[in-house]
Amino acid sequence: MVDLFLNRVLVENNWDQDKLNTEREIVGILENRITLLFFASATCQKCQEFLPLLNNFFKRLKDPAYIEYPKLLALIVISLDQSEEELEMILQKLHKKVLFLAFDDPYRQELRAMFEVKEVPTVVVLRPDGSVLMPNAVQDICNYGSECFRDWQESGELIERTFMLNEEFDNMNLRSVSDPVRRLKYKTEDDKRKKRWWKPWGKNKGEEDEENSGGWDAKKRERDWGTWRKK
């Protein structure tokens, strides 16, 4: 999936419309993700009706206001409009984390031909390796909403890193997927060892010292009592 957009420029749908054009940025935003290519046109009535549903679908999977751990999903708008103003009409109705190709990027038409898009709206679902999972998921998104992502996730064999608190890849020192399980296992085993380390040896040192001290005092009292009786 990453290879499809390497050496390309993706633009974020935020206020500044930040451009992602380095390999590190493209890999960080697309690697190990289900990617949706949304082909649309602002002049298409069906696209206008579908936009609120797609935006709600995306928010419920990516926006921290709706979900604790954003899902491994990317949405890229591929405009088939005739003007930049028409593209803006689409972007205004979509979440700020959505990506898009600039209007003057000829790659838009290459992707249209590559995925044989015949109508709009079309949402092509891609696995992390770039293969097509669904040629058009518009109907599934309309019928099932965010629930259909679970099936895509299983079919796409995603590695879910829900223990990662920051999805922005500012810190690239990622832990392994099994790390939380291993840490929990080791913590449990450590607790068990702490509770039972002394059992094979009987009583612990504190208890032995206390008993030895008590036994010595008892013998001393008995000896003193015998000495007093003789007197």
Protein backbone atom coordinates (compact mmCIF):
# COMPACT_ATOMS: atom_id res chain seq x y z
CA MET A 1 0.00 0.00 0.00
CA VAL A 2 2.80 2.38 0.87
CA ASP A 3 4.43 1.84 -2.54
CA LEU A 4 1.33 3.19 -4.27
CA PHE A 5 2.00 6.67 -2.89
CA LEU A 6 5.77 6.80 -2.51
CA ASN A 7 7.23 9.76 -4.42
CA ARG A 8 3.75 11.31 -4.39
CA VAL A 9 2.31 14.20 -2.40
CA LEU A 10 -0.61 13.59 -0.05
CA VAL A 11 -2.29 16.58 1.55
CA GLU A 12 -3.96 16.59 4.97
CA ASN A 13 -7.45 18.03 5.17
CA ASN A 14 -6.59 20.36 8.05
CA TRP A 15 -6.57 24.16 8.22
CA ASP A 16 -2.98 24.41 6.93
CA GLN A 17 -3.39 21.59 4.39
CA ASP A 18 -0.02 20.14 5.34
CA LYS A 19 1.75 18.20 2.62
CA LEU A 20 3.19 14.75 3.22
CA ASN A 21 5.86 14.07 0.64
CA THR A 22 8.81 12.35 2.34
CA GLU A 23 9.13 8.59 2.51
CA ARG A 24 9.04 8.67 6.31
CA GLU A 25 5.79 10.66 6.31
CA ILE A 26 4.10 8.43 3.74
CA VAL A 27 5.18 5.25 5.54
CA GLY A 28 4.08 6.68 8.89
CA ILE A 29 0.57 7.49 7.68
CA LEU A 30 -0.12 4.44 5.48
CA GLU A 31 1.92 1.48 6.75
CA ASN A 32 -0.07 -1.41 8.28
CA ARG A 33 -3.42 0.21 7.51
CA ILE A 34 -6.60 -0.50 5.67
CA THR A 35 -6.70 2.29 3.08
CA LEU A 36 -9.85 3.64 1.44
CA LEU A 37 -9.63 5.42 -1.90
CA PHE A 38 -12.71 7.63 -2.20
CA PHE A 39 -13.46 8.58 -5.82
CA ALA A 40 -16.04 11.35 -5.93
CA SER A 41 -17.28 14.48 -7.61
CA ALA A 42 -19.01 17.45 -6.00
CA THR A 43 -21.48 17.65 -8.89
CA CYS A 44 -22.69 14.09 -8.25
CA GLN A 45 -25.89 13.98 -6.19
CA LYS A 46 -25.17 10.48 -4.90
CA CYS A 47 -21.75 11.66 -3.69
CA GLN A 48 -23.35 14.53 -1.78
CA GLU A 49 -25.77 12.13 -0.10
CA PHE A 50 -22.97 9.68 0.73
CA LEU A 51 -20.56 12.25 2.20
CA PRO A 52 -22.24 12.54 5.66
CA LEU A 53 -22.35 8.75 5.99
CA LEU A 54 -18.68 8.38 5.02
CA ASN A 55 -17.62 11.16 7.37
CA ASN A 56 -19.53 9.61 10.29
CA PHE A 57 -18.02 6.21 9.45
CA PHE A 58 -14.52 7.70 9.50
CA LYS A 59 -15.01 9.71 12.70
CA ARG A 60 -16.20 6.70 14.67
CA LEU A 61 -13.05 4.82 13.75
CA LYS A 62 -10.45 7.61 13.97
CA ASP A 63 -11.62 10.48 16.14
CA PRO A 64 -10.52 10.25 19.84
CA ALA A 65 -13.86 11.82 20.76
CA TYR A 66 -15.54 8.60 19.64
CA ILE A 67 -12.92 5.90 20.19
CA GLU A 68 -10.09 5.49 22.69
CA TYR A 69 -7.66 3.89 20.25
CA PRO A 70 -8.02 5.12 16.64
CA LYS A 71 -8.19 2.28 14.15
CA LEU A 72 -5.54 1.53 11.56
CA LEU A 73 -7.41 3.20 8.74
CA ALA A 74 -6.57 5.84 6.13
CA LEU A 75 -9.02 7.64 3.84
CA ILE A 76 -7.72 9.30 0.67
CA VAL A 77 -9.98 11.46 -1.48
CA ILE A 78 -9.43 11.11 -5.23
CA SER A 79 -11.38 13.95 -6.78
CA LEU A 80 -12.80 13.58 -10.28
CA ASP A 81 -13.98 17.18 -10.29
CA GLN A 82 -13.43 19.77 -12.98
CA SER A 83 -12.24 22.54 -10.67
CA GLU A 84 -10.40 23.06 -7.41
CA GLU A 85 -13.47 24.78 -5.95
CA GLU A 86 -15.49 21.62 -6.45
CA LEU A 87 -12.81 19.60 -4.64
CA GLU A 88 -13.03 22.05 -1.73
CA MET A 89 -16.78 21.46 -1.55
CA ILE A 90 -16.08 17.79 -0.81
CA LEU A 91 -13.25 18.40 1.64
CA GLN A 92 -15.31 20.84 3.72
CA LYS A 93 -17.64 17.98 4.64
CA LEU A 94 -14.92 15.55 5.68
CA HIS A 95 -12.80 15.08 8.80
CA LYS A 96 -9.47 16.88 9.17
CA LYS A 97 -7.55 13.57 9.27
CA VAL A 98 -8.69 12.71 5.76
CA LEU A 99 -5.99 12.84 3.07
CA PHE A 100 -6.34 13.91 -0.56
CA LEU A 101 -4.46 14.35 -3.81
CA ALA A 102 -4.19 17.94 -4.99
CA PHE A 103 -6.44 18.94 -7.87
CA ASP A 104 -3.48 19.54 -10.20
CA ASP A 105 -1.99 16.09 -9.55
CA PRO A 106 -2.36 13.94 -12.71
CA TYR A 107 -2.01 10.82 -10.56
CA ARG A 108 -5.74 11.13 -9.83
CA GLN A 109 -6.61 9.93 -13.32
CA GLU A 110 -3.94 7.21 -13.20
CA LEU A 111 -5.55 5.78 -10.06
CA ARG A 112 -8.97 5.98 -11.66
CA ALA A 113 -7.74 3.85 -14.56
CA MET A 114 -5.71 1.53 -12.31
CA PHE A 115 -8.74 0.57 -10.23
CA GLU A 116 -11.18 0.70 -13.15
CA VAL A 117 -13.52 3.19 -11.52
CA LYS A 118 -16.64 3.46 -13.68
CA GLU A 119 -18.96 5.40 -11.38
CA VAL A 120 -19.00 7.71 -8.39
CA PRO A 121 -19.11 7.46 -5.49
CA THR A 122 -16.66 4.57 -5.30
CA VAL A 123 -14.69 3.50 -2.22
CA VAL A 124 -11.90 1.05 -3.04
CA VAL A 125 -10.72 -0.85 0.04
CA LEU A 126 -7.04 -1.83 0.00
CA ARG A 127 -5.14 -4.21 2.24
CA PRO A 128 -1.83 -3.11 3.79
CA ASP A 129 0.01 -4.88 0.94
CA GLY A 130 -1.89 -2.83 -1.66
CA SER A 131 -4.15 -5.60 -2.94
CA VAL A 132 -7.86 -4.89 -3.40
CA LEU A 133 -10.06 -6.09 -0.56
CA MET A 134 -13.27 -4.60 -1.99
CA PRO A 135 -13.65 -2.83 -5.35
CA ASN A 136 -16.49 -0.67 -4.01
CA ALA A 137 -17.55 -0.54 -0.34
CA VAL A 138 -20.14 2.25 -0.64
CA GLN A 139 -23.08 -0.10 -0.06
CA ASP A 140 -21.43 -1.78 2.94
CA ILE A 141 -20.64 1.56 4.57
CA CYS A 142 -24.25 2.68 4.04
CA ASN A 143 -25.69 -0.54 5.46
CA TYR A 144 -23.29 -1.43 8.29
CA GLY A 145 -21.40 1.75 9.12
CA SER A 146 -18.22 1.33 11.15
CA GLU A 147 -19.05 -2.31 11.93
CA CYS A 148 -17.79 -3.45 8.52
CA PHE A 149 -14.25 -2.38 9.44
CA ARG A 150 -13.93 -5.45 11.68
CA ASP A 151 -14.32 -7.75 8.67
CA TRP A 152 -11.80 -5.73 6.68
CA GLN A 153 -9.38 -5.85 9.59
CA GLU A 154 -9.54 -9.64 9.77
CA SER A 155 -9.29 -10.10 6.00
CA GLY A 156 -6.47 -7.59 5.77
CA GLU A 157 -4.51 -9.31 8.58
CA LEU A 158 -3.84 -6.06 10.38
CA ILE A 159 -1.52 -5.96 13.39
CA GLU A 160 -3.53 -4.03 15.96
CA ARG A 161 -1.23 -2.00 18.26
CA THR A 162 -3.87 -0.78 20.66
CA PHE A 163 -1.28 -0.32 23.41
CA MET A 164 0.33 2.55 21.45
CA LEU A 165 -0.93 5.77 22.95
CA ASN A 166 0.36 8.06 20.20
CA GLU A 167 -0.53 7.22 16.64
CA GLU A 168 1.38 10.10 15.12
CA PHE A 169 4.71 8.15 14.99
CA ASP A 170 6.65 10.97 16.66
CA ASN A 171 8.36 8.26 18.66
CA MET A 172 9.55 5.54 16.29
CA ASN A 173 10.82 3.22 19.09
CA LEU A 174 7.85 0.86 18.73
CA ARG A 175 7.47 -2.12 21.00
CA SER A 176 6.68 -5.57 19.68
CA VAL A 177 3.06 -6.63 19.33
CA SER A 178 3.42 -9.29 22.04
CA ASP A 179 5.04 -6.91 24.51
CA PRO A 180 1.92 -6.20 26.64
CA VAL A 181 1.15 -9.93 26.90
CA ARG A 182 4.70 -10.76 27.84
CA ARG A 183 4.89 -7.97 30.41
CA LEU A 184 1.64 -9.17 32.01
CA LYS A 185 2.87 -12.77 32.02
CA TYR A 186 6.19 -11.86 33.58
CA LYS A 187 4.55 -9.65 36.19
CA THR A 188 2.23 -12.49 37.19
CA GLU A 189 5.09 -14.96 37.42
CA ASP A 190 7.14 -12.51 39.50
CA ASP A 191 4.26 -12.10 41.95
CA LYS A 192 3.96 -15.86 42.29
CA ARG A 193 7.67 -16.24 42.95
CA LYS A 194 7.64 -13.51 45.58
CA LYS A 195 4.85 -15.29 47.45
CA ARG A 196 6.39 -18.75 47.42
CA TRP A 197 10.19 -18.30 47.39
CA TRP A 198 10.52 -19.09 51.11
CA LYS A 199 8.19 -22.09 51.31
CA PRO A 200 10.69 -24.83 50.33
CA TRP A 201 12.95 -23.68 53.17
CA GLY A 202 10.33 -23.50 55.88
CA LYS A 203 9.93 -20.38 57.94
CA ASN A 204 11.64 -17.17 57.04
CA LYS A 205 14.57 -15.69 58.90
CA GLY A 206 12.48 -13.19 60.90
CA GLU A 207 10.28 -15.93 62.25
CA GLU A 208 13.30 -18.11 63.11
CA ASP A 209 15.02 -15.23 64.96
CA GLU A 210 11.85 -14.51 66.90
CA GLU A 211 11.41 -18.17 67.92
CA ASN A 212 15.10 -18.55 68.79
CA SER A 213 14.98 -15.40 70.88
CA GLY A 214 11.86 -16.65 72.69
CA GLY A 215 13.45 -20.06 73.38
CA TRP A 216 16.61 -18.50 74.83
CA ASP A 217 14.55 -16.24 77.14
CA ALA A 218 12.55 -19.22 78.39
CA LYS A 219 15.71 -21.20 79.23
CA LYS A 220 17.22 -18.18 81.00
CA ARG A 221 14.07 -17.71 83.13
CA GLU A 222 14.08 -21.41 84.06
CA ARG A 223 17.75 -21.27 85.13
CA ASP A 224 17.22 -18.12 87.19
CA TRP A 225 14.18 -19.68 88.93
CA GLY A 226 16.22 -22.74 89.86
CA THR A 227 19.01 -20.60 91.31
CA TRP A 228 16.53 -18.60 93.45
CA ARG A 229 14.94 -21.79 94.87
CA LYS A 230 18.36 -23.11 95.97
CA LYS A 231 18.97 -19.90 97.87
